[in-house]
Protein backbone atom coordinates (compact mmCIF):
# COMPACT_ATOMS: atom_id res chain seq x y z
CA MET A 1 13.24 -24.38 -7.72
CA ASP A 2 13.83 -24.05 -11.44
CA GLY A 3 10.36 -25.36 -12.03
CA VAL A 4 8.91 -22.54 -9.96
CA ASN A 5 10.91 -19.90 -11.83
CA PHE A 6 9.78 -21.42 -15.16
CA LEU A 7 6.15 -21.35 -14.02
CA ILE A 8 6.56 -17.73 -13.03
CA LYS A 9 8.03 -16.78 -16.34
CA LYS A 10 5.24 -18.64 -18.22
CA LEU A 11 2.68 -16.89 -16.19
CA ASN A 12 4.34 -13.50 -16.86
CA ASN A 13 3.61 -14.00 -20.58
CA TYR A 14 -0.08 -14.21 -19.91
CA PRO A 15 -2.33 -11.21 -19.08
CA VAL A 16 -3.47 -10.97 -15.48
CA ILE A 17 -6.99 -11.77 -16.51
CA LYS A 18 -5.99 -15.20 -17.94
CA VAL A 19 -3.88 -15.90 -14.70
CA SER A 20 -6.96 -15.01 -12.60
CA LEU A 21 -9.26 -17.28 -14.65
CA LEU A 22 -6.50 -19.98 -14.36
CA VAL A 23 -6.52 -19.71 -10.62
CA ILE A 24 -10.29 -19.84 -10.34
CA ILE A 25 -10.48 -22.95 -12.63
CA VAL A 26 -7.88 -24.69 -10.44
CA ALA A 27 -9.89 -23.83 -7.36
CA LEU A 28 -13.04 -25.18 -8.85
CA VAL A 29 -11.26 -28.28 -9.80
CA VAL A 30 -9.82 -28.89 -6.41
CA LEU A 31 -13.25 -28.42 -4.90
CA SER A 32 -14.93 -30.76 -7.43
CA GLY A 33 -12.66 -33.78 -6.74
CA ILE A 34 -9.29 -35.47 -7.07
CA LYS A 35 -10.17 -37.48 -10.30
CA ILE A 36 -11.18 -34.39 -12.13
CA GLY A 37 -8.13 -32.63 -10.55
CA GLU A 38 -5.84 -35.20 -12.17
CA ILE A 39 -7.26 -34.83 -15.64
CA ALA A 40 -7.10 -31.10 -15.38
CA GLY A 41 -3.59 -31.14 -14.03
CA LYS A 42 -2.38 -33.24 -16.84
CA PHE A 43 -4.08 -31.00 -19.24
CA MET A 44 -2.61 -27.79 -17.62
CA TYR A 45 0.79 -29.37 -17.67
CA TYR A 46 0.49 -30.25 -21.27
CA ILE A 47 -0.52 -26.67 -22.10
CA LEU A 48 2.33 -25.12 -20.06
CA VAL A 49 5.07 -27.47 -21.32
CA LYS A 50 4.12 -27.02 -24.99
């Protein structure tokens, strides 16, 4: 559960607009396919961890 708390803290640092855009992007990625989702997932993970 530490990962979830970490993500929530990270998201709290961003404005609501950015979080909304992030959710929309994730939704689009999920709809567009698993392969693109994997790439975007790694990209997002890289951004959040850095």
